[in-house]
Protein backbone atom coordinates (compact mmCIF):
# COMPACT_ATOMS: atom_id res chain seq x y z
CA MET A 1 93.58 126.42 78.81
CA ARG A 2 91.40 123.79 78.95
CA LEU A 3 93.74 121.28 78.18
CA ALA A 4 96.26 123.38 80.83
CA ARG A 5 94.05 122.36 83.24
CA LEU A 6 93.30 119.26 82.58
CA ALA A 7 96.85 118.46 82.56
CA ARG A 8 97.67 120.18 85.57
CA GLY A 9 95.49 117.52 87.33
CA GLU A 10 92.10 119.96 87.41
CA GLN A 11 88.71 117.35 86.81
CA ALA A 12 86.31 118.84 84.71
CA ARG A 13 82.80 118.43 86.02
CA GLY A 14 80.29 119.67 83.18
CA TYR A 15 80.07 123.33 81.54
CA LYS A 16 78.48 126.74 81.76
CA ILE A 17 76.35 128.32 79.31
CA GLY A 18 76.74 131.95 79.51
CA PHE A 19 74.30 134.92 78.13
CA THR A 20 71.48 132.78 77.50
CA ASN A 21 69.32 135.57 79.06
CA ARG A 22 68.06 137.87 76.19
CA THR A 23 66.51 140.75 78.61
CA ILE A 24 70.31 141.43 79.85
CA TRP A 25 72.18 141.25 76.51
CA PRO A 26 72.37 145.27 75.96
CA ARG A 27 73.26 145.69 79.27
CA TYR A 28 76.49 143.92 79.23
CA ASN A 29 76.83 144.44 75.35
CA VAL A 30 77.00 140.79 74.91
CA PHE A 31 74.69 139.29 72.05
CA GLU A 32 75.04 135.97 71.79
CA PRO A 33 75.52 132.80 74.04
CA ILE A 34 78.96 131.79 75.66
CA TRP A 35 80.30 128.30 77.08
CA ALA A 36 83.03 127.06 78.87
CA PRO A 37 83.81 124.22 81.02
CA VAL A 38 83.26 124.21 84.97
CA TRP A 39 85.61 122.26 87.34
CA GLU A 40 85.23 119.92 90.28
CA ARG A 41 86.91 122.43 92.76
CA THR A 42 84.37 125.04 91.92
CA VAL A 43 81.17 122.90 92.37
CA ARG A 44 79.20 121.93 95.02
CA LEU A 45 76.05 119.54 95.40
CA LEU A 46 74.21 120.52 97.78
CA ASP A 47 71.69 117.88 99.65
CA VAL A 48 69.96 120.58 101.08
CA ALA A 49 68.51 123.98 100.16
CA GLU A 50 71.08 126.55 102.13
CA ALA A 51 74.64 126.92 101.90
CA THR A 52 77.06 129.05 102.52
CA THR A 53 79.84 131.00 101.08
CA THR A 54 83.04 133.40 101.35
CA LEU A 55 84.17 135.67 98.18
CA GLN A 56 87.60 134.87 98.44
CA GLY A 57 89.43 134.58 95.13
CA LEU A 58 86.26 136.31 93.45
CA VAL A 59 86.68 139.89 91.38
CA GLN A 60 83.41 141.86 91.35
CA PRO A 61 81.17 138.87 91.94
CA ARG A 62 77.67 138.75 90.90
CA LEU A 63 75.07 136.15 91.70
CA GLU A 64 72.92 134.20 89.21
CA PRO A 65 69.79 131.85 89.72
CA GLU A 66 69.92 129.12 87.15
CA ILE A 67 68.35 126.03 86.41
CA VAL A 68 71.06 123.16 86.27
CA PHE A 69 71.15 119.35 84.60
CA GLY A 70 73.09 116.46 85.32
CA PHE A 71 73.07 113.63 82.16
CA ARG A 72 72.90 109.88 82.58
CA ALA A 73 73.70 109.61 78.79
CA SER A 74 75.63 111.49 75.83
CA PRO A 75 73.44 113.37 73.99
CA ARG A 76 73.54 114.15 70.04
CA ALA A 77 73.17 117.33 67.47
CA GLY A 78 69.64 117.68 66.15
CA MET A 79 67.93 116.32 69.58
CA ASN A 80 64.63 117.26 70.13
CA GLU A 81 63.49 118.46 73.51
CA ALA A 82 61.98 114.98 73.98
CA GLU A 83 64.92 113.03 72.88
CA LEU A 84 67.32 115.30 75.02
CA SER A 85 65.10 114.75 78.18
CA ALA A 86 65.92 111.00 77.67
CA CYS A 87 69.69 111.94 78.15
CA LEU A 88 69.22 113.35 81.47
CA ALA A 89 68.99 112.25 84.91
CA TRP A 90 67.70 115.15 86.40
CA VAL A 91 67.09 118.93 86.75
CA ALA A 92 68.00 121.21 90.03
CA HIS A 93 68.07 124.79 90.74
CA GLY A 94 71.25 126.61 91.24
CA TYR A 95 73.50 129.64 92.10
CA GLU A 96 76.16 130.29 89.53
CA ILE A 97 78.50 132.80 90.94
CA VAL A 98 80.31 135.02 87.95
CA HIS A 99 83.00 137.32 88.27
CA THR A 100 85.08 139.13 85.94
CA HIS A 101 88.70 141.07 85.55
CA PHE A 102 86.97 143.82 83.40
CA GLU A 103 86.55 146.90 85.34
CA ALA A 104 83.03 147.73 85.74
CA TRP A 105 81.41 144.54 83.97
CA ARG A 106 82.63 146.25 80.67
CA PHE A 107 83.33 143.77 77.90
CA THR A 108 82.90 142.45 74.61
CA ALA A 109 81.98 138.60 74.15
CA ALA A 110 85.43 137.39 73.00
CA ASP A 111 86.67 139.32 76.48
CA THR A 112 84.49 137.24 78.42
CA VAL A 113 85.52 134.16 76.69
CA ALA A 114 89.29 134.85 77.77
CA ASP A 115 87.97 135.59 81.43
CA PHE A 116 87.00 131.55 81.82
CA ALA A 117 83.24 132.96 80.68
CA LEU A 118 83.18 134.66 84.02
CA HIS A 119 82.74 131.43 85.74
CA GLY A 120 83.56 131.65 89.96
CA ARG A 121 81.45 128.70 91.61
CA LEU A 122 78.38 126.88 90.94
CA LEU A 123 76.42 125.58 93.82
CA VAL A 124 73.58 123.11 92.67
CA GLY A 125 70.27 122.51 94.88
CA PRO A 126 68.88 119.39 95.62
CA ARG A 127 68.30 117.04 92.41
CA VAL A 128 64.98 116.40 91.21
CA PRO A 129 64.49 113.42 88.49
CA VAL A 130 63.66 114.33 85.17
CA ASP A 131 61.06 111.93 85.19
CA SER A 132 58.70 113.87 87.92
CA PHE A 133 58.34 116.22 84.86
CA ALA A 134 55.61 115.37 82.43
CA GLN A 135 56.61 118.36 80.19
CA LEU A 136 60.34 119.07 81.45
CA GLY A 137 60.61 121.54 78.44
CA GLU A 138 57.65 123.70 78.83
CA GLU A 139 57.25 123.32 82.71
CA LEU A 140 60.74 124.80 83.14
CA ALA A 141 60.16 127.18 80.30
CA ALA A 142 57.08 128.78 82.53
CA LEU A 143 58.88 128.79 85.20
CA GLU A 144 58.59 132.26 87.42
CA LEU A 145 61.67 132.60 90.03
CA THR A 146 61.89 135.55 92.57
CA LEU A 147 65.20 136.69 94.17
CA ALA A 148 65.49 138.13 97.57
CA CYS A 149 68.57 140.08 98.95
CA ASP A 150 68.14 140.35 102.88
CA GLY A 151 64.95 139.77 102.76
CA GLN A 152 63.80 142.20 99.62
CA VAL A 153 62.89 141.05 96.67
CA VAL A 154 65.67 142.53 93.77
CA ASP A 155 64.20 140.55 90.86
CA THR A 156 61.92 137.95 89.30
CA GLY A 157 63.00 135.87 86.59
CA HIS A 158 61.12 133.28 83.92
CA GLY A 159 62.47 130.47 82.32
CA ARG A 160 61.69 131.61 79.03
CA ASN A 161 64.30 134.59 79.28
CA VAL A 162 66.66 131.84 78.73
CA LEU A 163 66.40 131.04 74.97
CA ASP A 164 63.22 130.56 75.02
CA GLY A 165 63.67 127.85 78.23
CA PRO A 166 66.29 126.16 79.58
CA LEU A 167 65.87 122.79 78.11
CA ASN A 168 65.89 124.55 74.57
CA ALA A 169 68.96 126.32 75.63
CA LEU A 170 70.21 122.99 76.31
CA ARG A 171 69.31 121.94 72.89
CA LEU A 172 70.81 124.57 71.28
CA TRP A 173 73.84 124.42 72.94
CA VAL A 174 74.30 120.71 72.48
CA ASP A 175 73.85 121.60 68.86
CA ALA A 176 76.77 124.57 68.92
CA MET A 177 79.07 122.53 70.54
CA ALA A 178 79.21 119.83 67.64
CA GLN A 179 79.98 122.70 65.62
CA ARG A 180 82.33 124.52 67.60
CA THR A 181 83.87 122.60 70.14
CA PRO A 182 83.11 118.60 69.09
CA THR A 183 86.39 117.24 70.62
CA TRP A 184 85.20 118.34 74.41
CA PRO A 185 83.62 115.09 75.47
CA LEU A 186 79.68 115.24 76.95
CA GLY A 187 78.02 112.13 78.93
CA ALA A 188 77.12 110.74 81.81
CA GLY A 189 77.76 112.34 85.22
CA ASP A 190 78.25 115.75 83.46
CA ILE A 191 76.64 118.82 84.40
CA VAL A 192 75.41 121.85 82.82
CA THR A 193 73.76 125.15 83.93
CA THR A 194 71.83 126.77 81.51
CA GLY A 195 72.41 130.51 82.29
CA THR A 196 70.50 133.46 84.62
CA LEU A 197 66.94 133.55 84.71
CA THR A 198 67.38 137.31 86.45
CA ASP A 199 69.97 139.76 86.02
CA ALA A 200 73.16 139.51 87.65
CA TRP A 201 73.33 140.96 91.02
CA PRO A 202 76.60 142.08 92.90
CA MET A 203 77.79 139.98 95.76
CA ALA A 204 79.20 141.71 99.31
CA PRO A 205 80.13 139.90 102.88
CA GLY A 206 77.12 139.58 105.05
CA GLN A 207 74.41 139.30 102.78
CA VAL A 208 72.09 136.56 102.48
CA TRP A 209 70.52 135.92 99.44
CA GLN A 210 66.90 133.50 98.89
CA SER A 211 65.52 132.56 95.56
CA ARG A 212 61.67 131.10 95.63
CA PRO A 213 61.18 129.00 92.27
CA GLY A 214 57.44 128.75 91.57
CA ASP A 215 57.80 125.01 91.49
CA ALA A 216 57.51 123.25 94.37
CA ARG A 217 59.69 120.43 92.73
CA LEU A 218 62.28 122.71 93.07
CA PRO A 219 63.05 124.47 96.26
CA GLY A 220 64.64 127.92 96.58
CA LEU A 221 68.11 128.32 97.86
CA ARG A 222 69.25 130.16 100.58
CA LEU A 223 72.99 131.74 100.70
CA THR A 224 74.40 133.33 102.99
CA VAL A 225 77.74 135.35 102.27
CA THR A 226 80.75 135.14 104.74
CA ARG A 227 83.39 137.07 105.31
């Protein structure tokens, strides 16, 4: 399917890693990460920490607050976190809007892969140079984030939920990519989002979502859902 999309002119923008949050594995009956390409038409880079979106074209959409990385060089399998950090240009907080064609969000891991890894859209907040972090892996692993809908906090997430930290999740994924999908390119300019820090929350028109990461370098995102 990836090759078919490229053949018809779509531009790959990077990748998503899904089901990295172990705390939600039993809820969705998926017990290992998945990944898939994301595309130019589904990715938005935001210059400010506020956006609007419609839900047109999405099926049973849900919102996931995530940590997103931007690459400046190609990584290789077997890198440690410090070596991997040197391949990164920036880090950002973002929202992935996921959706599924399987009723009531009941599926297997294989189903989710067939359903394009549940990817709908990716909104990437203001990018922060990785050099702003002295210990990128540890600082992101320690990150706490609250997620509110219409002014009410609905969930609290932690960086360590994501395979012990977003940078570690990225490291494990780079190794897995080299083994399972070695022909998929990864290099400068690519974006990778590392999975939700909270549960995935149902979305509806009229909602206003607000995230608040516990790190002033990563601004929270306000997202208004229009009709």
